[in-house]
C-alpha atoms as a PDB file:
ATOM      1  CA  MET A   1    -101.419  92.092 -45.627  1.00  0.00           C
ATOM      2  CA  SER A   2     -98.227  94.029 -46.214  1.00  0.00           C
ATOM      3  CA  GLY A   3     -94.860  92.433 -46.854  1.00  0.00           C
ATOM      4  CA  PRO A   4     -94.026  89.322 -48.859  1.00  0.00           C
ATOM      5  CA  VAL A   5     -95.109  85.788 -48.082  1.00  0.00           C
ATOM      6  CA  LEU A   6     -92.145  83.667 -46.996  1.00  0.00           C
ATOM      7  CA  VAL A   7     -92.391  80.278 -48.731  1.00  0.00           C
ATOM      8  CA  THR A   8     -90.118  77.580 -47.309  1.00  0.00           C
ATOM      9  CA  GLY A   9     -89.266  74.659 -49.547  1.00  0.00           C
ATOM     10  CA  ALA A  10     -89.848  76.965 -52.502  1.00  0.00           C
ATOM     11  CA  ALA A  11     -87.789  74.823 -54.893  1.00  0.00           C
ATOM     12  CA  GLY A  12     -89.971  71.758 -54.329  1.00  0.00           C
ATOM     13  CA  ARG A  13     -92.971  70.536 -56.315  1.00  0.00           C
ATOM     14  CA  ILE A  14     -95.665  72.431 -54.403  1.00  0.00           C
ATOM     15  CA  GLY A  15     -93.399  75.424 -53.916  1.00  0.00           C
ATOM     16  CA  THR A  16     -92.914  75.664 -57.661  1.00  0.00           C
ATOM     17  CA  VAL A  17     -96.687  75.564 -58.199  1.00  0.00           C
ATOM     18  CA  LEU A  18     -97.207  78.359 -55.684  1.00  0.00           C
ATOM     19  CA  ARG A  19     -94.438  80.449 -57.210  1.00  0.00           C
ATOM     20  CA  GLY A  20     -96.350  80.310 -60.462  1.00  0.00           C
ATOM     21  CA  GLY A  21     -99.818  80.950 -59.045  1.00  0.00           C
ATOM     22  CA  LEU A  22     -99.671  83.141 -55.958  1.00  0.00           C
ATOM     23  CA  PRO A  23     -98.145  86.211 -57.678  1.00  0.00           C
ATOM     24  CA  GLU A  24    -101.109  86.146 -60.090  1.00  0.00           C
ATOM     25  CA  ARG A  25    -103.279  86.649 -57.017  1.00  0.00           C
ATOM     26  CA  GLY A  26    -101.266  89.620 -55.848  1.00  0.00           C
ATOM     27  CA  TRP A  27     -98.813  87.989 -53.467  1.00  0.00           C
ATOM     28  CA  ALA A  28     -95.161  89.006 -53.389  1.00  0.00           C
ATOM     29  CA  LEU A  29     -92.961  86.033 -52.521  1.00  0.00           C
ATOM     30  CA  ARG A  30     -89.790  85.540 -50.540  1.00  0.00           C
ATOM     31  CA  CYS A  31     -88.535  82.082 -51.476  1.00  0.00           C
ATOM     32  CA  LEU A  32     -86.368  79.986 -49.162  1.00  0.00           C
ATOM     33  CA  ASP A  33     -84.824  76.572 -49.743  1.00  0.00           C
ATOM     34  CA  VAL A  34     -81.612  74.684 -48.983  1.00  0.00           C
ATOM     35  CA  VAL A  35     -80.812  74.793 -52.704  1.00  0.00           C
ATOM     36  CA  PRO A  36     -81.005  77.722 -55.105  1.00  0.00           C
ATOM     37  CA  VAL A  37     -84.268  78.030 -57.006  1.00  0.00           C
ATOM     38  CA  GLY A  38     -83.431  77.338 -60.645  1.00  0.00           C
ATOM     39  CA  ASP A  39     -85.749  79.690 -62.498  1.00  0.00           C
ATOM     40  CA  VAL A  40     -85.788  83.011 -60.698  1.00  0.00           C
ATOM     41  CA  ARG A  41     -88.934  84.943 -61.592  1.00  0.00           C
ATOM     42  CA  PRO A  42     -89.389  88.725 -61.658  1.00  0.00           C
ATOM     43  CA  GLY A  43     -90.182  90.224 -58.276  1.00  0.00           C
ATOM     44  CA  GLU A  44     -89.205  87.176 -56.224  1.00  0.00           C
ATOM     45  CA  GLU A  45     -86.827  87.407 -53.310  1.00  0.00           C
ATOM     46  CA  HIS A  46     -84.545  84.398 -52.842  1.00  0.00           C
ATOM     47  CA  LEU A  47     -82.751  83.026 -49.824  1.00  0.00           C
ATOM     48  CA  VAL A  48     -80.678  79.855 -49.482  1.00  0.00           C
ATOM     49  CA  ALA A  49     -80.973  78.562 -45.917  1.00  0.00           C
ATOM     50  CA  ASP A  50     -81.876  75.484 -43.905  1.00  0.00           C
ATOM     51  CA  VAL A  51     -85.315  75.677 -42.313  1.00  0.00           C
ATOM     52  CA  THR A  52     -83.871  74.037 -39.172  1.00  0.00           C
ATOM     53  CA  ASP A  53     -81.486  76.986 -38.701  1.00  0.00           C
ATOM     54  CA  LEU A  54     -83.573  79.120 -36.347  1.00  0.00           C
ATOM     55  CA  ASP A  55     -81.429  82.245 -36.631  1.00  0.00           C
ATOM     56  CA  ALA A  56     -81.606  82.102 -40.421  1.00  0.00           C
ATOM     57  CA  MET A  57     -85.353  81.554 -40.280  1.00  0.00           C
ATOM     58  CA  VAL A  58     -85.891  84.545 -38.002  1.00  0.00           C
ATOM     59  CA  ASP A  59     -83.873  86.711 -40.378  1.00  0.00           C
ATOM     60  CA  ALA A  60     -85.869  85.388 -43.334  1.00  0.00           C
ATOM     61  CA  ALA A  61     -89.186  86.056 -41.601  1.00  0.00           C
ATOM     62  CA  ARG A  62     -88.538  89.702 -40.737  1.00  0.00           C
ATOM     63  CA  GLY A  63     -90.995  91.941 -42.574  1.00  0.00           C
ATOM     64  CA  ALA A  64     -93.009  89.022 -43.977  1.00  0.00           C
ATOM     65  CA  SER A  65     -96.787  89.116 -43.816  1.00  0.00           C
ATOM     66  CA  ALA A  66     -97.155  85.325 -43.583  1.00  0.00           C
ATOM     67  CA  ILE A  67     -95.193  82.092 -43.830  1.00  0.00           C
ATOM     68  CA  VAL A  68     -96.181  79.151 -46.017  1.00  0.00           C
ATOM     69  CA  HIS A  69     -94.168  76.262 -44.612  1.00  0.00           C
ATOM     70  CA  LEU A  70     -93.557  73.489 -47.138  1.00  0.00           C
ATOM     71  CA  ALA A  71     -89.944  72.557 -46.375  1.00  0.00           C
ATOM     72  CA  GLY A  72     -89.071  69.093 -45.146  1.00  0.00           C
ATOM     73  CA  ILE A  73     -88.910  65.493 -46.283  1.00  0.00           C
ATOM     74  CA  SER A  74     -91.981  64.831 -48.415  1.00  0.00           C
ATOM     75  CA  GLY A  75     -92.288  61.092 -47.799  1.00  0.00           C
ATOM     76  CA  GLU A  76     -91.185  58.360 -45.441  1.00  0.00           C
ATOM     77  CA  SER A  77     -87.569  58.194 -44.252  1.00  0.00           C
ATOM     78  CA  THR A  78     -85.605  57.312 -41.119  1.00  0.00           C
ATOM     79  CA  TRP A  79     -86.651  58.658 -37.739  1.00  0.00           C
ATOM     80  CA  PRO A  80     -83.524  60.865 -37.341  1.00  0.00           C
ATOM     81  CA  ALA A  81     -84.101  62.398 -40.771  1.00  0.00           C
ATOM     82  CA  ILE A  82     -87.849  62.925 -40.312  1.00  0.00           C
ATOM     83  CA  SER A  83     -87.631  64.265 -36.770  1.00  0.00           C
ATOM     84  CA  HIS A  84     -84.907  66.745 -37.709  1.00  0.00           C
ATOM     85  CA  ALA A  85     -86.196  68.060 -41.020  1.00  0.00           C
ATOM     86  CA  ASN A  86     -89.927  67.898 -40.406  1.00  0.00           C
ATOM     87  CA  ILE A  87     -90.471  68.371 -36.680  1.00  0.00           C
ATOM     88  CA  GLU A  88     -87.520  70.640 -35.898  1.00  0.00           C
ATOM     89  CA  GLY A  89     -88.174  72.486 -39.157  1.00  0.00           C
ATOM     90  CA  THR A  90     -91.795  73.148 -38.212  1.00  0.00           C
ATOM     91  CA  TYR A  91     -90.766  74.393 -34.774  1.00  0.00           C
ATOM     92  CA  CYS A  92     -88.287  76.787 -36.393  1.00  0.00           C
ATOM     93  CA  ALA A  93     -90.893  78.105 -38.847  1.00  0.00           C
ATOM     94  CA  LEU A  94     -93.401  78.804 -36.074  1.00  0.00           C
ATOM     95  CA  GLU A  95     -90.838  80.175 -33.643  1.00  0.00           C
ATOM     96  CA  ALA A  96     -89.447  82.436 -36.375  1.00  0.00           C
ATOM     97  CA  ALA A  97     -92.962  83.732 -36.981  1.00  0.00           C
ATOM     98  CA  ARG A  98     -93.345  84.480 -33.282  1.00  0.00           C
ATOM     99  CA  ARG A  99     -89.987  86.220 -32.949  1.00  0.00           C
ATOM    100  CA  ALA A 100     -90.396  88.214 -36.162  1.00  0.00           C
ATOM    101  CA  SER A 101     -94.041  89.127 -35.424  1.00  0.00           C
ATOM    102  CA  VAL A 102     -95.409  87.365 -38.499  1.00  0.00           C
ATOM    103  CA  PRO A 103     -99.128  86.938 -37.765  1.00  0.00           C
ATOM    104  CA  ARG A 104    -100.033  83.934 -39.919  1.00  0.00           C
ATOM    105  CA  VAL A 105     -98.494  80.581 -40.814  1.00  0.00           C
ATOM    106  CA  VAL A 106     -99.852  78.067 -43.320  1.00  0.00           C
ATOM    107  CA  LEU A 107     -98.529  74.558 -42.646  1.00  0.00           C
ATOM    108  CA  ALA A 108     -98.373  71.775 -45.228  1.00  0.00           C
ATOM    109  CA  SER A 109     -99.756  68.886 -43.198  1.00  0.00           C
ATOM    110  CA  SER A 110    -100.845  65.639 -44.836  1.00  0.00           C
ATOM    111  CA  ASN A 111    -103.529  62.988 -45.007  1.00  0.00           C
ATOM    112  CA  HIS A 112    -100.836  60.709 -43.547  1.00  0.00           C
ATOM    113  CA  ALA A 113    -101.333  62.381 -40.170  1.00  0.00           C
ATOM    114  CA  THR A 114    -104.493  60.288 -40.028  1.00  0.00           C
ATOM    115  CA  GLY A 115    -103.491  57.532 -42.428  1.00  0.00           C
ATOM    116  CA  TYR A 116    -104.844  54.570 -40.465  1.00  0.00           C
ATOM    117  CA  THR A 117    -108.332  56.080 -40.404  1.00  0.00           C
ATOM    118  CA  PRO A 118    -110.700  53.820 -42.376  1.00  0.00           C
ATOM    119  CA  ARG A 119    -112.053  55.459 -45.487  1.00  0.00           C
ATOM    120  CA  PRO A 120    -115.761  56.185 -45.138  1.00  0.00           C
ATOM    121  CA  GLY A 121    -118.214  53.632 -46.436  1.00  0.00           C
ATOM    122  CA  ASP A 122    -120.860  56.306 -46.866  1.00  0.00           C
ATOM    123  CA  GLY A 123    -120.613  60.054 -46.707  1.00  0.00           C
ATOM    124  CA  LEU A 124    -117.449  62.129 -46.386  1.00  0.00           C
ATOM    125  CA  LEU A 125    -114.886  62.408 -43.610  1.00  0.00           C
ATOM    126  CA  ARG A 126    -114.820  65.704 -41.781  1.00  0.00           C
ATOM    127  CA  GLU A 127    -111.599  66.742 -40.119  1.00  0.00           C
ATOM    128  CA  GLU A 128    -113.023  65.953 -36.677  1.00  0.00           C
ATOM    129  CA  ASP A 129    -113.890  62.437 -37.867  1.00  0.00           C
ATOM    130  CA  ALA A 130    -110.210  61.758 -38.485  1.00  0.00           C
ATOM    131  CA  PRO A 131    -108.153  62.359 -35.313  1.00  0.00           C
ATOM    132  CA  PRO A 132    -104.418  61.634 -35.410  1.00  0.00           C
ATOM    133  CA  ARG A 133    -103.709  58.073 -36.576  1.00  0.00           C
ATOM    134  CA  PRO A 134    -100.350  58.452 -38.353  1.00  0.00           C
ATOM    135  CA  ASP A 135     -99.285  55.748 -40.756  1.00  0.00           C
ATOM    136  CA  THR A 136     -95.513  56.364 -40.799  1.00  0.00           C
ATOM    137  CA  TYR A 137     -92.797  58.450 -39.177  1.00  0.00           C
ATOM    138  CA  TYR A 138     -93.690  60.980 -41.871  1.00  0.00           C
ATOM    139  CA  GLY A 139     -97.286  60.913 -40.644  1.00  0.00           C
ATOM    140  CA  VAL A 140     -96.093  61.358 -37.055  1.00  0.00           C
ATOM    141  CA  SER A 141     -94.223  64.491 -38.138  1.00  0.00           C
ATOM    142  CA  LYS A 142     -97.444  65.910 -39.542  1.00  0.00           C
ATOM    143  CA  VAL A 143     -99.290  65.160 -36.288  1.00  0.00           C
ATOM    144  CA  ALA A 144     -96.490  67.033 -34.502  1.00  0.00           C
ATOM    145  CA  MET A 145     -96.835  69.850 -37.029  1.00  0.00           C
ATOM    146  CA  GLU A 146    -100.522  70.258 -36.254  1.00  0.00           C
ATOM    147  CA  ALA A 147     -99.862  70.079 -32.495  1.00  0.00           C
ATOM    148  CA  LEU A 148     -97.166  72.745 -32.704  1.00  0.00           C
ATOM    149  CA  GLY A 149     -99.491  74.918 -34.754  1.00  0.00           C
ATOM    150  CA  SER A 150    -102.183  74.592 -32.102  1.00  0.00           C
ATOM    151  CA  LEU A 151     -99.715  75.563 -29.389  1.00  0.00           C
ATOM    152  CA  TYR A 152     -98.596  78.698 -31.215  1.00  0.00           C
ATOM    153  CA  VAL A 153    -102.199  79.771 -31.730  1.00  0.00           C
ATOM    154  CA  ASP A 154    -103.254  79.262 -28.114  1.00  0.00           C
ATOM    155  CA  ARG A 155    -100.100  80.522 -26.422  1.00  0.00           C
ATOM    156  CA  TYR A 156     -98.894  83.239 -28.791  1.00  0.00           C
ATOM    157  CA  GLY A 157    -101.981  84.305 -30.743  1.00  0.00           C
ATOM    158  CA  LEU A 158    -100.821  83.383 -34.232  1.00  0.00           C
ATOM    159  CA  ASP A 159    -103.264  82.371 -36.945  1.00  0.00           C
ATOM    160  CA  VAL A 160    -102.260  78.892 -38.170  1.00  0.00           C
ATOM    161  CA  VAL A 161    -103.946  76.933 -40.960  1.00  0.00           C
ATOM    162  CA  CYS A 162    -102.926  73.279 -41.426  1.00  0.00           C
ATOM    163  CA  LEU A 163    -103.627  71.833 -44.857  1.00  0.00           C
ATOM    164  CA  ARG A 164    -104.016  68.046 -44.810  1.00  0.00           C
ATOM    165  CA  ILE A 165    -102.872  67.638 -48.388  1.00  0.00           C
ATOM    166  CA  GLY A 166    -104.000  64.614 -50.351  1.00  0.00           C
ATOM    167  CA  SER A 167    -102.052  63.929 -53.584  1.00  0.00           C
ATOM    168  CA  ALA A 168    -100.706  67.186 -55.016  1.00  0.00           C
ATOM    169  CA  PHE A 169     -99.586  66.312 -58.527  1.00  0.00           C
ATOM    170  CA  THR A 170    -100.054  67.642 -62.027  1.00  0.00           C
ATOM    171  CA  GLU A 171    -102.582  64.874 -62.645  1.00  0.00           C
ATOM    172  CA  PRO A 172    -103.676  61.707 -60.833  1.00  0.00           C
ATOM    173  CA  THR A 173    -101.553  58.645 -61.646  1.00  0.00           C
ATOM    174  CA  THR A 174    -103.253  55.917 -59.560  1.00  0.00           C
ATOM    175  CA  THR A 175    -106.832  54.894 -58.902  1.00  0.00           C
ATOM    176  CA  ARG A 176    -106.447  55.991 -55.257  1.00  0.00           C
ATOM    177  CA  GLN A 177    -105.635  59.479 -56.490  1.00  0.00           C
ATOM    178  CA  LEU A 178    -109.043  59.643 -58.164  1.00  0.00           C
ATOM    179  CA  ALA A 179    -110.177  60.302 -54.568  1.00  0.00           C
ATOM    180  CA  THR A 180    -107.174  62.172 -53.137  1.00  0.00           C
ATOM    181  CA  TRP A 181    -105.938  64.390 -55.993  1.00  0.00           C
ATOM    182  CA  LEU A 182    -105.260  68.089 -55.378  1.00  0.00           C
ATOM    183  CA  SER A 183    -104.704  69.826 -58.701  1.00  0.00           C
ATOM    184  CA  PRO A 184    -102.093  72.558 -59.172  1.00  0.00           C
ATOM    185  CA  ALA A 185    -104.770  75.222 -59.671  1.00  0.00           C
ATOM    186  CA  ASP A 186    -106.622  74.089 -56.563  1.00  0.00           C
ATOM    187  CA  THR A 187    -103.351  74.025 -54.613  1.00  0.00           C
ATOM    188  CA  VAL A 188    -102.955  77.737 -55.348  1.00  0.00           C
ATOM    189  CA  SER A 189    -106.594  78.416 -54.498  1.00  0.00           C
ATOM    190  CA  LEU A 190    -106.353  76.554 -51.194  1.00  0.00           C
ATOM    191  CA  VAL A 191    -103.196  78.340 -50.056  1.00  0.00           C
ATOM    192  CA  ASP A 192    -104.617  81.694 -51.164  1.00  0.00           C
ATOM    193  CA  ALA A 193    -107.734  81.011 -49.064  1.00  0.00           C
ATOM    194  CA  ALA A 194    -105.588  80.065 -46.078  1.00  0.00           C
ATOM    195  CA  LEU A 195    -103.692  83.347 -46.447  1.00  0.00           C
ATOM    196  CA  THR A 196    -106.748  85.573 -46.835  1.00  0.00           C
ATOM    197  CA  ALA A 197    -109.382  84.062 -44.530  1.00  0.00           C
ATOM    198  CA  PRO A 198    -110.137  86.547 -41.744  1.00  0.00           C
ATOM    199  CA  ALA A 199    -109.009  85.398 -38.289  1.00  0.00           C
ATOM    200  CA  PRO A 200    -108.893  81.628 -38.890  1.00  0.00           C
ATOM    201  CA  GLY A 201    -107.314  80.967 -35.487  1.00  0.00           C
ATOM    202  CA  PHE A 202    -106.277  77.309 -35.559  1.00  0.00           C
ATOM    203  CA  SER A 203    -107.770  75.515 -38.552  1.00  0.00           C
ATOM    204  CA  VAL A 204    -107.170  72.038 -39.962  1.00  0.00           C
ATOM    205  CA  VAL A 205    -108.657  71.442 -43.409  1.00  0.00           C
ATOM    206  CA  TRP A 206    -108.457  68.754 -46.059  1.00  0.00           C
ATOM    207  CA  GLY A 207    -106.408  69.672 -49.116  1.00  0.00           C
ATOM    208  CA  VAL A 208    -108.153  67.967 -52.015  1.00  0.00           C
ATOM    209  CA  SER A 209    -109.907  68.883 -55.229  1.00  0.00           C
ATOM    210  CA  ASP A 210    -113.663  68.470 -55.586  1.00  0.00           C
ATOM    211  CA  ASN A 211    -113.227  64.952 -56.942  1.00  0.00           C
ATOM    212  CA  THR A 212    -116.304  62.904 -57.701  1.00  0.00           C
ATOM    213  CA  ARG A 213    -114.756  60.011 -55.735  1.00  0.00           C
ATOM    214  CA  ARG A 214    -113.228  62.031 -52.897  1.00  0.00           C
ATOM    215  CA  TRP A 215    -113.390  60.732 -49.322  1.00  0.00           C
ATOM    216  CA  TRP A 216    -113.061  64.085 -47.568  1.00  0.00           C
ATOM    217  CA  ASP A 217    -115.545  66.802 -46.725  1.00  0.00           C
ATOM    218  CA  LEU A 218    -114.594  70.237 -48.062  1.00  0.00           C
ATOM    219  CA  SER A 219    -116.818  72.309 -45.759  1.00  0.00           C
ATOM    220  CA  ALA A 220    -113.986  73.487 -43.493  1.00  0.00           C
ATOM    221  CA  ALA A 221    -111.780  74.483 -46.428  1.00  0.00           C
ATOM    222  CA  GLU A 222    -114.718  76.229 -48.121  1.00  0.00           C
ATOM    223  CA  ALA A 223    -115.347  78.165 -44.892  1.00  0.00           C
ATOM    224  CA  LEU A 224    -111.898  79.700 -45.424  1.00  0.00           C
ATOM    225  CA  GLY A 225    -112.921  80.747 -48.938  1.00  0.00           C
ATOM    226  CA  TYR A 226    -111.573  77.782 -50.930  1.00  0.00           C
ATOM    227  CA  ARG A 227    -113.407  76.912 -54.116  1.00  0.00           C
ATOM    228  CA  SER A 228    -112.173  73.902 -56.048  1.00  0.00           C
ATOM    229  CA  ALA A 229    -112.217  74.110 -59.834  1.00  0.00           C
ATOM    230  CA  ASP A 230    -111.029  70.594 -60.650  1.00  0.00           C
ATOM    231  CA  ASP A 231    -112.142  66.965 -60.491  1.00  0.00           C
ATOM    232  CA  ALA A 232    -110.043  63.837 -61.109  1.00  0.00           C
ATOM    233  CA  GLU A 233    -112.925  62.064 -62.865  1.00  0.00           C
ATOM    234  CA  PRO A 234    -111.771  62.853 -66.442  1.00  0.00           C
ATOM    235  CA  TYR A 235    -108.744  60.632 -65.700  1.00  0.00           C
ATOM    236  CA  ALA A 236    -110.803  57.755 -64.301  1.00  0.00           C
ATOM    237  CA  GLU A 237    -111.421  55.738 -67.465  1.00  0.00           C
ATOM    238  CA  ALA A 238    -107.755  55.510 -68.430  1.00  0.00           C
ATOM    239  CA  LEU A 239    -106.568  54.779 -64.887  1.00  0.00           C
ATOM    240  CA  ILE A 240    -109.160  52.078 -64.305  1.00  0.00           C
ATOM    241  CA  GLU A 241    -108.352  50.521 -67.668  1.00  0.00           C
ATOM    242  CA  ALA A 242    -104.670  50.421 -66.675  1.00  0.00           C
ATOM    243  CA  HIS A 243    -105.015  49.376 -63.026  1.00  0.00           C
ATOM    244  CA  GLY A 244    -108.500  47.941 -62.608  1.00  0.00           C
ATOM    245  CA  GLU A 245    -111.383  49.106 -60.439  1.00  0.00           C
ATOM    246  CA  PRO A 246    -110.300  50.125 -56.908  1.00  0.00           C
ATOM    247  CA  ASP A 247    -110.852  47.285 -54.410  1.00  0.00           C
ATOM    248  CA  PRO A 248    -112.381  48.905 -51.300  1.00  0.00           C
ATOM    249  CA  ASP A 249    -111.114  46.019 -49.145  1.00  0.00           C
ATOM    250  CA  HIS A 250    -107.476  46.397 -50.221  1.00  0.00           C
ATOM    251  CA  PRO A 251    -105.399  48.413 -47.693  1.00  0.00           C
ATOM    252  CA  VAL A 252    -104.473  50.934 -50.367  1.00  0.00           C
ATOM    253  CA  HIS A 253    -108.139  51.847 -50.721  1.00  0.00           C
ATOM    254  CA  ALA A 254    -109.522  50.837 -47.314  1.00  0.00           C
ATOM    255  CA  ARG A 255    -107.532  53.370 -45.287  1.00  0.00           C
ATOM    256  CA  VAL A 256    -106.940  57.062 -45.754  1.00  0.00           C
ATOM    257  CA  GLY A 257    -103.150  56.674 -45.958  1.00  0.00           C
ATOM    258  CA  GLY A 258    -103.225  54.174 -48.817  1.00  0.00           C
ATOM    259  CA  GLU A 259     -99.957  52.365 -49.496  1.00  0.00           C
ATOM    260  CA  TYR A 260     -98.322  54.109 -46.534  1.00  0.00           C
ATOM    261  CA  THR A 261    -100.305  51.731 -44.289  1.00  0.00           C
ATOM    262  CA  THR A 262     -98.847  48.615 -45.938  1.00  0.00           C
ATOM    263  CA  ALA A 263     -95.831  46.538 -44.914  1.00  0.00           C
ATOM    264  CA  ALA A 264     -93.742  48.216 -47.613  1.00  0.00           C
ATOM    265  CA  PHE A 265     -93.490  51.198 -45.261  1.00  0.00           C
ATOM    266  CA  ASP A 266     -92.295  49.267 -42.198  1.00  0.00           C
ATOM    267  CA  ALA A 267     -89.392  50.978 -40.443  1.00  0.00           C
ATOM    268  CA  GLU A 268     -86.803  48.350 -41.413  1.00  0.00           C
ATOM    269  CA  ASN A 269     -87.260  49.397 -45.023  1.00  0.00           C
ATOM    270  CA  PHE A 270     -85.998  52.875 -44.117  1.00  0.00           C
ATOM    271  CA  SER A 271     -82.983  52.021 -41.977  1.00  0.00           C
ATOM    272  CA  ALA A 272     -80.172  54.548 -41.717  1.00  0.00           C
END
């Protein structure tokens, strides 16, 4: 690919990880966020813009080789906030790619797009075993993200890879994350694979490290070229000592979306 990769939400947690790791793999980055990125790194381009501003997004996308779309609200919020930032923002990212002739978009979807799916008793969940069952308005926005991605592949011929990210943190902090953790190094590897895989068309893959306790099958991600280097198991002893063994019958562990499927995430708790 020629031209930089446009990363939306570049000042956020995952954006910061990618800004550290993707250049080491040869990618030039054009970073976009609604706030200035604090630590400008050599060779980076920087733009301050709102991802829901379509004109600004089209300008930002011109000459880019791909878009990695991370911008949006990264957890549950009110419907007006989620629908504007996450659904409208995804539309603008994809439409900007179409108008600016950017051939590939990588979308940061989420396990919460299928949060009410029961975790598997035996074996691992493939993507096709977990159709949309969103657990929150946030999850609904990720279902819409995947649907919009599918539309732009079928109608306009883009390549779109949706990453159903588990728990992308420096290290796991709960016993659930022993199954769902995506390490920083694996985050970079997964996005790099999504950017380099030849002709992926429309792909939806789980975004998780090769955790001993993981619930999700990695075959689809590995078909793109992803190879996980990390496992949450070294953190297991300390987390289990602090929080106890995971109860498979508790909603946090019985469903893919974890605590997002509990009453704590009812809409009245996120009123405007």
